[in-house]
Protein backbone atom coordinates (compact mmCIF):
# COMPACT_ATOMS: atom_id res chain seq x y z
CA MET A 1 28.67 29.43 -12.85
CA GLU A 2 25.31 31.13 -12.57
CA ASP A 3 25.28 34.89 -12.99
CA TYR A 4 25.37 36.55 -9.61
CA HIS A 5 22.47 38.92 -9.08
CA LYS A 6 23.60 41.27 -6.36
CA PRO A 7 20.79 42.03 -3.90
CA ASP A 8 19.76 45.68 -3.74
CA GLN A 9 21.01 47.80 -0.86
CA GLN A 10 17.71 47.57 0.98
CA THR A 11 17.82 43.76 0.92
CA LEU A 12 21.47 43.71 2.01
CA GLN A 13 20.63 45.98 4.93
CA ALA A 14 17.65 43.79 5.82
CA LEU A 15 19.93 40.77 5.91
CA LYS A 16 22.34 42.62 8.21
CA ASP A 17 19.43 43.63 10.42
CA THR A 18 18.16 40.04 10.50
CA ALA A 19 21.59 38.85 11.60
CA ASN A 20 21.57 41.31 14.46
CA ARG A 21 18.06 40.26 15.45
CA LEU A 22 19.33 36.70 15.57
CA ARG A 23 22.14 37.85 17.87
CA ILE A 24 19.65 39.56 20.16
CA SER A 25 17.40 36.49 20.26
CA SER A 26 20.36 34.23 21.03
CA ILE A 27 21.53 36.43 23.87
CA LYS A 28 18.04 36.79 25.33
CA ALA A 29 17.32 33.05 25.16
CA THR A 30 20.61 31.89 26.66
CA THR A 31 20.59 34.51 29.43
CA ALA A 32 17.02 33.60 30.36
CA ALA A 33 17.88 29.90 30.38
CA GLY A 34 21.17 30.38 32.20
CA SER A 35 22.75 28.04 29.65
CA GLY A 36 23.71 27.97 25.99
CA HIS A 37 26.20 29.14 23.41
CA PRO A 38 25.56 32.80 22.55
CA THR A 39 29.09 33.42 21.25
CA SER A 40 28.83 30.52 18.79
CA CYS A 41 25.44 31.81 17.66
CA CYS A 42 26.82 35.30 17.12
CA SER A 43 29.65 34.15 14.85
CA ALA A 44 27.15 32.45 12.56
CA ALA A 45 24.46 35.16 12.54
CA GLU A 46 25.12 36.50 9.04
CA ILE A 47 25.48 32.98 7.66
CA MET A 48 22.09 32.00 9.06
CA SER A 49 20.48 35.24 7.90
CA VAL A 50 21.63 34.83 4.31
CA LEU A 51 20.82 31.12 4.23
CA PHE A 52 17.30 31.31 5.61
CA PHE A 53 16.20 34.66 4.23
CA HIS A 54 17.95 34.82 0.86
CA THR A 55 19.42 31.52 -0.37
CA MET A 56 17.30 28.57 0.78
CA ARG A 57 13.98 27.70 -0.82
CA TYR A 58 11.37 26.29 1.52
CA LYS A 59 7.84 26.62 2.84
CA VAL A 60 7.80 28.18 6.27
CA GLN A 61 4.47 26.58 7.15
CA ASP A 62 5.55 23.16 5.86
CA PRO A 63 9.11 22.63 7.13
CA ARG A 64 9.19 18.88 6.31
CA ASN A 65 8.05 19.34 2.72
CA ALA A 66 9.90 16.88 0.49
CA SER A 67 10.83 19.61 -2.01
CA ASN A 68 12.26 22.03 0.57
CA ASP A 69 15.97 22.73 0.70
CA ARG A 70 17.55 20.94 3.67
CA PHE A 71 19.64 22.45 6.45
CA VAL A 72 21.82 20.58 8.93
CA LEU A 73 23.24 22.47 11.88
CA SER A 74 26.26 20.36 12.75
CA LYS A 75 27.66 23.21 14.81
CA ARG A 76 26.09 22.32 18.22
CA GLN A 77 22.32 22.33 18.22
CA ALA A 78 19.83 20.07 16.48
CA PHE A 79 17.63 21.30 13.64
CA THR A 80 14.67 19.61 12.02
CA ASP A 81 15.89 16.34 10.53
CA VAL A 82 18.79 15.01 12.60
CA ALA A 83 20.30 15.47 16.05
CA THR A 84 23.92 16.61 15.79
CA GLY A 85 24.86 17.54 19.35
CA SER A 86 27.76 15.10 19.22
CA LEU A 87 30.04 16.98 16.86
CA GLY A 88 31.35 15.74 13.53
CA GLN A 89 28.20 13.95 12.35
CA GLY A 90 26.14 16.58 10.58
CA LEU A 91 27.99 16.54 7.27
CA GLY A 92 27.62 12.76 6.93
CA ALA A 93 23.85 13.05 7.38
CA ALA A 94 23.82 15.95 4.91
CA CYS A 95 25.65 13.69 2.43
CA GLY A 96 22.85 11.14 2.77
CA MET A 97 20.23 13.82 2.13
CA ALA A 98 22.15 15.17 -0.88
CA TYR A 99 22.73 11.68 -2.32
CA THR A 100 19.01 10.98 -1.99
CA GLY A 101 18.13 14.29 -3.64
CA LYS A 102 20.50 13.76 -6.57
CA PHE A 103 20.19 10.03 -7.28
CA PHE A 104 16.87 8.85 -5.81
CA ASP A 105 14.53 11.86 -5.79
CA ARG A 106 16.27 13.52 -8.75
CA ALA A 107 14.85 16.76 -7.39
CA SER A 108 16.15 20.34 -7.32
CA TYR A 109 16.33 20.80 -3.55
CA ARG A 110 19.73 21.55 -2.10
CA VAL A 111 21.33 20.61 1.21
CA TYR A 112 23.23 23.06 3.40
CA CYS A 113 25.33 22.03 6.39
CA LEU A 114 26.85 24.50 8.84
CA LEU A 115 29.94 23.26 10.69
CA GLY A 116 32.06 24.83 13.39
CA ASP A 117 35.82 24.91 12.94
CA GLY A 118 36.33 23.04 16.23
CA GLU A 119 34.56 19.93 14.93
CA LEU A 120 36.76 19.86 11.84
CA SER A 121 39.24 17.88 13.95
CA GLU A 122 36.77 14.97 13.88
CA GLY A 123 37.76 12.28 11.39
CA SER A 124 34.12 11.60 10.54
CA VAL A 125 33.92 15.06 8.92
CA TRP A 126 36.64 14.11 6.47
CA GLU A 127 35.05 10.73 5.80
CA ALA A 128 32.00 12.75 4.70
CA MET A 129 34.14 15.16 2.69
CA ALA A 130 35.66 12.21 0.80
CA PHE A 131 32.21 10.67 0.20
CA ALA A 132 30.73 13.90 -1.18
CA GLY A 133 33.75 14.57 -3.37
CA PHE A 134 33.75 11.04 -4.79
CA TYR A 135 30.04 11.10 -5.67
CA LYS A 136 30.21 14.75 -6.89
CA LEU A 137 27.30 15.86 -4.74
CA ASP A 138 26.85 19.21 -6.46
CA ASN A 139 23.64 19.83 -4.51
CA LEU A 140 25.56 19.98 -1.22
CA VAL A 141 27.01 23.10 0.39
CA ALA A 142 29.10 22.93 3.56
CA ILE A 143 29.69 26.17 5.44
CA PHE A 144 32.67 26.28 7.78
CA ASP A 145 32.15 28.84 10.52
CA VAL A 146 35.84 29.54 11.18
CA ASN A 147 35.52 31.65 14.31
CA ARG A 148 38.99 30.62 15.57
CA LEU A 149 38.02 29.57 19.09
CA GLY A 150 37.09 26.10 20.34
CA GLN A 151 35.68 25.17 23.73
CA SER A 152 38.82 25.33 25.84
CA ASP A 153 41.50 26.50 23.39
CA PRO A 154 41.77 28.03 19.95
CA ALA A 155 41.07 25.63 17.08
CA PRO A 156 44.32 24.17 15.67
CA LEU A 157 44.29 26.22 12.44
CA GLN A 158 42.75 29.33 14.03
CA HIS A 159 42.11 31.79 11.16
CA HIS A 160 44.37 30.12 8.54
CA VAL A 161 41.43 29.81 6.17
CA GLU A 162 43.66 29.16 3.16
CA ILE A 163 44.68 25.79 4.70
CA TYR A 164 41.02 24.79 5.02
CA GLN A 165 40.55 25.77 1.38
CA LYS A 166 43.43 23.55 0.20
CA ARG A 167 42.14 20.62 2.25
CA CYS A 168 38.65 20.93 0.81
CA GLU A 169 39.98 21.16 -2.73
CA ALA A 170 42.08 18.04 -2.13
CA PHE A 171 38.86 16.18 -1.30
CA GLY A 172 37.24 17.23 -4.58
CA TRP A 173 35.28 20.25 -3.36
CA HIS A 174 34.97 23.74 -4.79
CA ALA A 175 36.12 25.94 -1.90
CA ILE A 176 35.46 29.66 -1.46
CA ILE A 177 36.87 31.90 1.28
CA VAL A 178 34.54 34.68 2.43
CA ASP A 179 34.17 37.25 5.16
CA GLY A 180 31.57 35.43 7.20
CA HIS A 181 30.13 38.70 8.48
CA SER A 182 29.62 40.20 5.01
CA VAL A 183 26.12 39.41 3.82
CA GLU A 184 27.08 40.50 0.30
CA GLU A 185 30.02 38.06 0.10
CA LEU A 186 27.83 35.29 1.50
CA CYS A 187 25.05 35.99 -1.00
CA LYS A 188 27.58 35.85 -3.84
CA ALA A 189 29.18 32.63 -2.58
CA PHE A 190 25.84 30.87 -2.17
CA GLY A 191 24.90 31.93 -5.69
CA GLN A 192 27.78 30.06 -7.30
CA ALA A 193 26.93 26.72 -8.88
CA LYS A 194 29.54 24.05 -9.51
CA HIS A 195 29.59 20.45 -10.73
CA GLN A 196 31.01 19.38 -7.38
CA PRO A 197 30.16 19.98 -3.71
CA THR A 198 30.84 23.50 -2.44
CA ALA A 199 32.61 24.49 0.77
CA ILE A 200 32.16 28.07 1.92
CA ILE A 201 34.94 28.88 4.35
CA ALA A 202 33.65 31.79 6.37
CA LYS A 203 36.14 33.72 8.47
CA THR A 204 34.16 34.91 11.50
CA PHE A 205 34.69 36.05 15.08
CA LYS A 206 33.24 34.25 18.04
CA GLY A 207 30.91 36.52 19.96
CA LYS A 208 30.69 38.95 17.03
CA GLY A 209 28.85 42.08 18.11
CA ILE A 210 29.30 41.52 21.85
CA SER A 211 31.66 44.19 23.09
CA GLY A 212 34.33 42.87 25.45
CA VAL A 213 33.59 39.27 24.42
CA GLU A 214 34.17 39.23 20.67
CA ASP A 215 37.16 37.02 19.75
CA LYS A 216 37.99 36.45 23.42
CA GLU A 217 38.73 33.06 25.00
CA SER A 218 36.85 31.55 27.97
CA TRP A 219 33.39 32.56 26.76
CA HIS A 220 32.40 29.32 25.07
CA GLY A 221 29.04 27.97 26.22
CA LYS A 222 28.52 30.78 28.71
CA PRO A 223 25.39 32.94 28.72
CA LEU A 224 25.83 36.65 29.40
CA PRO A 225 24.94 37.94 32.88
CA LYS A 226 21.62 39.79 32.87
CA ASN A 227 23.03 43.32 33.23
CA MET A 228 25.64 42.71 30.56
CA ALA A 229 23.07 41.14 28.24
CA GLU A 230 20.76 44.13 28.50
CA GLN A 231 23.57 46.52 27.58
CA VAL A 232 24.75 44.40 24.64
CA ILE A 233 21.22 43.98 23.31
CA GLN A 234 20.77 47.76 23.36
CA GLU A 235 24.05 48.24 21.44
CA ILE A 236 23.10 45.68 18.79
CA ASP A 237 19.55 47.00 18.50
CA GLU A 238 20.89 50.45 17.65
CA LYS A 239 22.55 48.99 14.55
CA ILE A 240 19.21 47.79 13.12
CA GLN A 241 18.08 50.31 10.49
CA ASN A 242 14.71 49.16 9.22
CA LYS A 243 11.94 46.67 9.77
CA LYS A 244 11.81 45.16 6.28
CA LYS A 245 10.64 41.59 6.45
CA LEU A 246 12.31 39.00 4.27
CA SER A 247 10.58 35.86 3.05
CA PRO A 248 12.29 32.75 1.70
CA ALA A 249 11.78 31.73 -1.90
CA LEU A 250 9.39 28.83 -2.37
CA PRO A 251 10.80 25.49 -3.52
CA GLU A 252 10.17 23.89 -6.86
CA GLU A 253 7.70 21.12 -6.09
CA ASP A 254 9.58 18.39 -7.94
CA ALA A 255 10.31 15.79 -5.25
CA PRO A 256 8.31 12.63 -6.06
CA VAL A 257 5.61 11.28 -3.78
CA VAL A 258 7.03 8.33 -1.83
CA ASN A 259 5.24 5.54 0.05
CA ILE A 260 7.38 3.30 2.23
CA ARG A 261 4.66 1.89 4.45
CA ASN A 262 3.61 -1.74 4.71
CA ILE A 263 6.34 -3.17 2.49
CA LYS A 264 5.77 -6.87 1.88
CA MET A 265 7.97 -9.48 0.28
CA PRO A 266 6.73 -10.26 -3.25
CA SER A 267 6.67 -14.00 -2.40
CA PRO A 268 7.23 -16.32 0.58
CA PRO A 269 10.65 -17.84 1.34
CA THR A 270 11.65 -20.79 -0.83
CA TYR A 271 13.97 -22.76 1.43
CA LYS A 272 13.88 -26.48 2.18
CA VAL A 273 14.05 -27.75 5.74
CA GLY A 274 17.42 -29.35 6.31
CA GLU A 275 19.36 -27.60 3.54
CA LYS A 276 22.28 -25.55 4.81
CA TRP A 277 22.45 -21.78 4.52
CA ALA A 278 24.52 -19.11 6.20
CA THR A 279 22.24 -16.42 7.59
CA ARG A 280 24.57 -13.76 6.13
CA LYS A 281 23.80 -15.07 2.63
CA ALA A 282 20.10 -15.38 3.42
CA TYR A 283 20.22 -11.69 4.38
CA GLY A 284 21.56 -10.75 0.94
CA VAL A 285 18.92 -12.88 -0.79
CA ALA A 286 16.16 -11.33 1.33
CA LEU A 287 17.35 -7.78 0.78
CA ALA A 288 17.52 -8.21 -2.98
CA LYS A 289 14.02 -9.68 -2.87
CA LEU A 290 12.69 -6.81 -0.76
CA GLY A 291 14.13 -4.40 -3.33
CA HIS A 292 11.58 -5.70 -5.83
CA ALA A 293 8.73 -4.91 -3.42
CA ASN A 294 9.48 -1.19 -3.15
CA ASP A 295 11.80 1.01 -5.21
CA ARG A 296 12.72 3.03 -2.13
CA VAL A 297 14.54 0.16 -0.44
CA ILE A 298 18.26 1.01 -0.61
CA ALA A 299 21.43 -0.74 0.55
CA LEU A 300 24.70 0.67 1.85
CA ASP A 301 27.89 -1.22 2.65
CA GLY A 302 31.43 -0.50 3.82
CA ASP A 303 33.41 -2.44 1.20
CA THR A 304 32.28 -5.79 2.63
CA LYS A 305 29.44 -6.54 0.21
CA ASN A 306 30.99 -9.85 -0.89
CA SER A 307 31.03 -10.98 2.76
CA THR A 308 27.72 -9.51 3.99
CA PHE A 309 26.12 -10.54 0.67
CA SER A 310 24.66 -7.10 0.08
CA GLU A 311 26.30 -7.60 -3.33
CA LEU A 312 23.18 -9.60 -4.26
CA PHE A 313 21.15 -6.41 -3.81
CA LYS A 314 23.66 -4.42 -5.87
CA LYS A 315 23.47 -6.98 -8.68
CA GLU A 316 19.67 -6.66 -8.93
CA HIS A 317 19.28 -2.98 -8.00
CA PRO A 318 22.58 -1.25 -8.87
CA SER A 319 21.15 2.29 -8.86
CA ARG A 320 19.98 1.86 -5.26
CA TYR A 321 23.23 0.56 -3.81
CA ILE A 322 25.62 3.02 -2.11
CA GLU A 323 29.23 1.96 -1.65
CA CYS A 324 30.51 3.80 1.42
CA TYR A 325 33.94 2.15 1.46
CA ILE A 326 35.79 1.57 4.73
CA ALA A 327 34.23 4.45 6.62
CA GLU A 328 31.63 2.90 8.91
CA GLN A 329 30.94 6.06 10.89
CA ASN A 330 30.07 7.96 7.74
CA MET A 331 28.07 4.99 6.40
CA VAL A 332 25.72 5.14 9.38
CA SER A 333 25.40 8.94 9.08
CA VAL A 334 24.69 8.67 5.35
CA ALA A 335 22.01 6.05 6.07
CA VAL A 336 20.44 8.43 8.61
CA GLY A 337 20.44 11.22 6.01
CA CYS A 338 18.94 8.98 3.33
CA ALA A 339 16.13 7.95 5.67
CA THR A 340 15.11 11.49 6.70
CA ARG A 341 11.63 12.68 5.77
CA ASP A 342 10.72 9.06 4.99
CA ARG A 343 12.42 9.17 1.57
CA THR A 344 14.02 5.70 1.72
CA VAL A 345 14.17 2.43 3.65
CA ALA A 346 17.88 2.13 4.32
CA PHE A 347 19.77 -1.10 5.09
CA ALA A 348 23.47 -0.65 5.93
CA SER A 349 25.73 -3.65 6.40
CA THR A 350 29.25 -4.53 7.48
CA PHE A 351 30.88 -6.97 9.90
CA ALA A 352 29.11 -6.75 13.25
CA THR A 353 32.33 -5.81 15.02
CA PHE A 354 32.89 -2.75 12.82
CA PHE A 355 29.66 -1.11 13.97
CA THR A 356 31.37 -0.59 17.32
CA ARG A 357 33.42 2.25 15.83
CA ALA A 358 30.16 3.91 14.73
CA PHE A 359 28.41 3.63 18.09
CA ASP A 360 28.24 7.40 18.52
CA GLN A 361 26.52 7.74 15.15
CA ILE A 362 24.10 4.95 16.10
CA ARG A 363 23.43 6.58 19.47
CA MET A 364 22.70 9.92 17.79
CA ALA A 365 20.51 8.20 15.19
CA ALA A 366 18.33 6.99 18.05
CA ILE A 367 18.16 10.53 19.46
CA SER A 368 17.15 11.69 15.95
CA GLU A 369 14.35 9.07 16.01
CA SER A 370 15.81 7.76 12.77
CA ASN A 371 14.47 4.66 11.04
CA ILE A 372 17.56 2.81 9.83
CA ASN A 373 18.33 -0.89 9.54
CA LEU A 374 21.81 -2.22 10.24
CA CYS A 375 23.02 -5.73 9.53
CA GLY A 376 26.16 -7.05 11.22
CA SER A 377 27.62 -10.23 9.77
CA HIS A 378 30.53 -12.40 10.97
CA CYS A 379 29.43 -12.43 14.58
CA GLY A 380 31.26 -14.38 17.24
CA VAL A 381 34.08 -16.91 17.34
CA SER A 382 32.20 -19.07 14.84
CA ILE A 383 33.67 -17.01 11.98
CA GLY A 384 36.82 -19.08 12.58
CA GLU A 385 40.20 -18.31 11.07
CA ASP A 386 39.75 -14.55 10.59
CA GLY A 387 40.66 -14.00 14.22
CA PRO A 388 39.45 -11.81 17.10
CA SER A 389 39.72 -8.44 15.33
CA GLN A 390 36.96 -9.57 12.95
CA MET A 391 34.71 -11.29 15.53
CA GLY A 392 31.60 -9.42 16.63
CA LEU A 393 31.46 -10.23 20.35
CA GLU A 394 30.18 -6.94 21.78
CA ASP A 395 27.46 -6.06 19.27
CA LEU A 396 24.45 -7.42 21.16
CA CYS A 397 25.53 -5.50 24.23
CA MET A 398 25.94 -2.33 22.19
CA PHE A 399 22.63 -2.47 20.35
CA ARG A 400 20.67 -3.56 23.42
CA ALA A 401 21.81 -0.30 25.03
CA VAL A 402 20.37 1.84 22.21
CA PRO A 403 16.98 3.33 23.23
CA GLY A 404 14.09 1.94 21.22
CA ALA A 405 16.28 -0.40 19.18
CA THR A 406 15.07 -3.77 17.93
CA VAL A 407 17.72 -6.50 17.92
CA PHE A 408 17.09 -9.47 15.62
CA TYR A 409 19.18 -12.65 15.86
CA PRO A 410 17.76 -15.05 13.24
CA SER A 411 18.83 -18.69 13.44
CA ASP A 412 18.11 -19.89 9.92
CA ALA A 413 17.44 -18.61 6.42
CA VAL A 414 13.66 -18.41 6.82
CA ALA A 415 13.93 -16.41 10.04
CA THR A 416 16.47 -14.10 8.38
CA GLU A 417 14.15 -13.31 5.49
CA LYS A 418 11.33 -12.59 7.93
CA ALA A 419 13.64 -10.35 10.00
CA VAL A 420 14.51 -8.27 6.93
CA GLU A 421 10.84 -7.80 6.05
CA ILE A 422 9.86 -6.92 9.60
CA ALA A 423 12.78 -4.49 10.01
CA ALA A 424 11.73 -2.62 6.88
CA ASN A 425 8.42 -1.85 8.55
CA THR A 426 9.67 -1.16 12.09
CA LYS A 427 10.37 2.30 13.47
CA GLY A 428 13.65 3.07 15.19
CA ILE A 429 17.05 1.42 14.92
CA CYS A 430 16.90 -2.21 13.80
CA PHE A 431 19.95 -4.48 14.04
CA ILE A 432 20.08 -7.88 12.36
CA ARG A 433 22.89 -10.17 13.54
CA THR A 434 24.00 -12.71 10.93
CA SER A 435 26.48 -15.57 11.03
CA ARG A 436 29.14 -17.01 8.72
CA PRO A 437 28.67 -20.80 9.21
CA GLU A 438 26.13 -22.68 7.12
CA ASN A 439 23.45 -24.27 9.31
CA PRO A 440 20.32 -26.26 8.46
CA VAL A 441 17.01 -24.56 7.76
CA ILE A 442 14.72 -25.49 10.65
CA TYR A 443 11.57 -23.50 9.91
CA ASN A 444 8.93 -24.05 7.25
CA ASN A 445 8.52 -21.24 4.72
CA ASN A 446 5.08 -20.35 6.11
CA GLU A 447 6.37 -19.92 9.69
CA ASP A 448 5.10 -16.69 11.25
CA PHE A 449 7.53 -14.41 13.08
CA HIS A 450 6.94 -11.39 15.27
CA ILE A 451 9.08 -8.97 17.25
CA GLY A 452 9.31 -10.07 20.87
CA GLN A 453 7.93 -13.54 20.16
CA ALA A 454 10.27 -16.50 20.76
CA LYS A 455 9.99 -19.93 19.16
CA VAL A 456 9.97 -23.14 21.17
CA VAL A 457 11.74 -25.33 18.62
CA LEU A 458 11.99 -28.51 20.71
CA LYS A 459 9.64 -29.62 23.46
CA SER A 460 8.42 -32.70 25.34
CA LYS A 461 6.57 -33.40 28.58
CA ASP A 462 9.75 -34.87 30.07
CA ASP A 463 12.00 -31.84 29.57
CA GLN A 464 14.29 -31.16 32.51
CA VAL A 465 16.09 -27.97 31.41
CA THR A 466 15.26 -25.03 29.10
CA VAL A 467 18.16 -24.12 26.80
CA ILE A 468 18.11 -20.76 25.02
CA GLY A 469 20.41 -20.23 22.04
CA ALA A 470 20.45 -18.14 18.86
CA GLY A 471 22.24 -18.41 15.55
CA VAL A 472 24.95 -21.06 15.62
CA THR A 473 24.36 -21.87 19.30
CA LEU A 474 20.72 -22.74 18.66
CA HIS A 475 21.95 -25.44 16.30
CA GLU A 476 24.49 -26.58 18.91
CA ALA A 477 21.62 -26.80 21.40
CA LEU A 478 19.59 -28.95 19.01
CA ALA A 479 22.60 -31.22 18.47
CA ALA A 480 23.04 -31.45 22.24
CA ALA A 481 19.36 -32.38 22.62
CA GLU A 482 19.80 -35.22 20.15
CA GLN A 483 22.80 -36.55 22.07
CA LEU A 484 21.08 -36.21 25.47
CA ARG A 485 17.95 -37.96 24.22
CA LYS A 486 20.01 -41.13 23.75
CA GLU A 487 20.69 -40.99 27.49
CA LYS A 488 17.00 -40.37 28.30
CA ILE A 489 17.65 -36.74 29.23
CA PHE A 490 15.27 -34.31 27.55
CA ILE A 491 15.65 -30.56 27.12
CA ARG A 492 13.47 -27.76 25.82
CA VAL A 493 15.11 -25.49 23.25
CA ILE A 494 14.06 -21.87 22.66
CA ASP A 495 14.99 -19.54 19.80
CA PRO A 496 14.39 -15.95 21.01
CA PHE A 497 14.37 -14.45 17.44
CA THR A 498 14.64 -10.94 18.94
CA ILE A 499 17.04 -10.32 21.81
CA LYS A 500 15.44 -6.92 22.31
CA PRO A 501 12.60 -7.02 23.06
CA LEU A 502 12.91 -10.45 24.66
CA ASP A 503 9.91 -12.75 25.00
CA LYS A 504 9.82 -12.87 28.80
CA LYS A 505 6.46 -14.63 28.91
CA THR A 506 7.55 -17.62 26.80
CA ILE A 507 10.86 -17.94 28.64
CA LEU A 508 9.19 -17.97 32.07
CA GLU A 509 6.43 -20.39 31.06
CA ASN A 510 8.93 -22.91 29.72
CA ALA A 511 11.40 -22.42 32.55
CA ARG A 512 8.69 -23.20 35.08
CA ALA A 513 7.80 -26.33 33.07
CA THR A 514 11.43 -27.47 33.40
CA LYS A 515 11.71 -26.93 37.18
CA GLY A 516 13.05 -23.39 36.79
CA ARG A 517 16.29 -24.43 35.09
CA ILE A 518 17.56 -22.21 32.27
CA ILE A 519 20.83 -22.49 30.36
CA THR A 520 21.73 -19.72 27.89
CA VAL A 521 24.41 -20.30 25.29
CA GLU A 522 25.70 -17.60 22.97
CA ASP A 523 28.50 -16.69 20.59
CA HIS A 524 29.11 -13.39 22.38
CA TYR A 525 30.88 -12.17 25.47
CA HIS A 526 29.07 -12.68 28.80
CA GLU A 527 28.54 -8.95 29.24
CA GLY A 528 25.37 -7.59 27.72
CA GLY A 529 24.43 -10.59 25.62
CA ILE A 530 21.62 -13.16 25.62
CA GLY A 531 22.43 -14.45 29.09
CA GLU A 532 22.22 -11.03 30.69
CA ALA A 533 19.03 -10.26 28.75
CA VAL A 534 17.45 -13.46 30.11
CA CYS A 535 18.68 -12.72 33.64
CA ALA A 536 17.10 -9.27 33.46
CA ALA A 537 13.84 -10.82 32.28
CA VAL A 538 13.59 -13.37 35.11
CA VAL A 539 15.09 -11.36 37.97
CA GLY A 540 12.92 -11.62 41.07
CA GLU A 541 11.04 -14.66 39.80
CA PRO A 542 11.10 -17.39 42.50
CA GLY A 543 12.66 -20.75 41.73
CA ILE A 544 14.41 -19.70 38.50
CA THR A 545 18.13 -20.36 38.00
CA VAL A 546 20.16 -19.28 34.98
CA ASN A 547 23.48 -20.81 33.92
CA ARG A 548 25.21 -18.78 31.20
CA LEU A 549 27.57 -20.22 28.58
CA ALA A 550 29.38 -17.51 26.62
CA VAL A 551 32.79 -16.46 25.30
CA SER A 552 34.80 -15.78 28.43
CA HIS A 553 37.90 -14.01 27.12
CA VAL A 554 39.57 -12.60 24.01
CA PRO A 555 39.55 -15.42 21.44
CA ARG A 556 42.09 -16.51 18.85
CA SER A 557 42.09 -17.71 15.27
CA GLY A 558 41.04 -21.29 14.55
CA LYS A 559 38.44 -23.47 12.92
CA SER A 560 34.86 -22.67 13.86
CA ALA A 561 34.18 -26.00 15.60
CA GLU A 562 37.46 -25.77 17.49
CA LEU A 563 36.66 -22.31 18.81
CA LEU A 564 33.11 -23.20 19.81
CA LYS A 565 34.57 -26.08 21.83
CA MET A 566 37.44 -24.00 23.25
CA PHE A 567 35.04 -21.41 24.64
CA GLY A 568 32.49 -23.87 25.95
CA ILE A 569 29.56 -22.98 23.71
CA ASP A 570 29.31 -26.11 21.56
CA LYS A 571 27.03 -29.13 21.89
CA ASP A 572 29.39 -30.95 24.27
CA ALA A 573 29.49 -27.98 26.65
CA ILE A 574 25.70 -27.79 26.58
CA VAL A 575 25.41 -31.51 27.28
CA GLN A 576 27.71 -31.15 30.27
CA ALA A 577 25.87 -28.09 31.59
CA VAL A 578 22.51 -29.86 31.29
CA LYS A 579 23.80 -32.92 33.17
CA VAL A 580 25.17 -30.73 35.97
CA ALA A 581 21.89 -28.84 36.26
CA ALA A 582 19.87 -32.07 36.27
CA SER A 583 22.12 -33.76 38.87
CA LYS A 584 21.98 -30.74 41.17
CA SER A 585 18.22 -30.89 41.05
CA ARG A 586 18.15 -34.64 41.81
CA ASN A 587 20.53 -34.14 44.72
CA ALA A 588 18.35 -31.36 46.07
CA GLU A 589 15.33 -33.63 45.93
């Protein structure tokens, strides 16, 4: 433990005065806005005062400096690096920042995360607690603002701070109970150094300093009426004794310079047309390869690395692989934290279906304008015997709904490698959907791919229908084309490559060349998948009809080919749909 240097009385008083100024500012701002959380701000005033004006080291004029200490306000409002308005996510992001600081940057900056006691009911908080304890993130400090009151009721443990302490210690943290309104106790607690993460459990009172409101229910998220605010501000102002200004200590400039722009694969793909590869394995090969191009490419996984093939990255770059275990919500939050301030290029992988439990984290990552890459393997019924609980059938719908997201659905090994490279250089949330079955390589290694640019993989002047498929269903469409050709029926086959954004121009041009007939076929539920994306792209266009083949109801376990046939998304179903579309057109003529 470092020796504790007690601040002089003048500094302690200045910290108290700063806390009261923060209370006044919070009350003024929320009353003027007619909205906000002044009581929550008031319980944390001393914590914020000591953190920002005594403990943290940072440059005021350069808040995003790589060497600055980090602060995450998980307790309601967003701060600099991540949005945390949906409670329970801040500590996971802070874990990512601390992991990056300790293991990648190897720098002296520290990460502080302030949590409210209400959000401690969120399971994602304890996923993060377990992660930090396991990796001994001794550069991480979590502050629990235990002000007793939640939004509509008291928090379950109220002021039983000793229970919080035991829980934190059980997760491998050093836990300290303090009076959260004593700047001296806070200064002392923040000055303690341990070889494990630290939890400061601060007993506070909601609405501290607001007479008639302090520690009272029914004041959460309510600004003070103007007359009341003026009186309270006057009372708090009278407690301020001097005008001493406090300045934060400057950081040690020891974070390395990082460049993660324009990352290129060290060599082109090396696949042979016709050889069979699962796109999930091609993802692992590509990621390991990308790791050689830039030492800031990192991989995270949720104990599925031998299925997603991120284990190939771990084998070649073990120091840049983060095992997050079966805690997908925390994995996404950690990835967000790792990617802040452009310190890493993060790729997190698990089964596509398991990202659904982390949708809130993904949604908040988009609000944070985070640049993270997520790969979901084992999509659709084509995974076979593992059964419906393991089948990603909602993932396209989910990621298409994320603002600014890019959704890749590569159909062979070459396209997968290109998707990984492009994602590494693309802002926002990128999702790469990979499949379990092995399918033939259809593209040459020098094929050029771009976001929002589809590939017409089969075309003739006699084509009667345009069929759009991706992943396993693209290969079913090509098999259907071969079968139909024997009957002198020709179809055009399109690989969209990205489902969001979708190449509307290519789809419309080819649909018009095939008398407006489109058939979409996908290993996904009808709702929100490729078919709906295509319908949205062509809506209002005259003479265009879309017939959608998709998984219609909850599937079952079985062999891949059996399930594709059962749900009408295999080559035979495509053949039948094409014949129906062609016969309808002939009858109409």
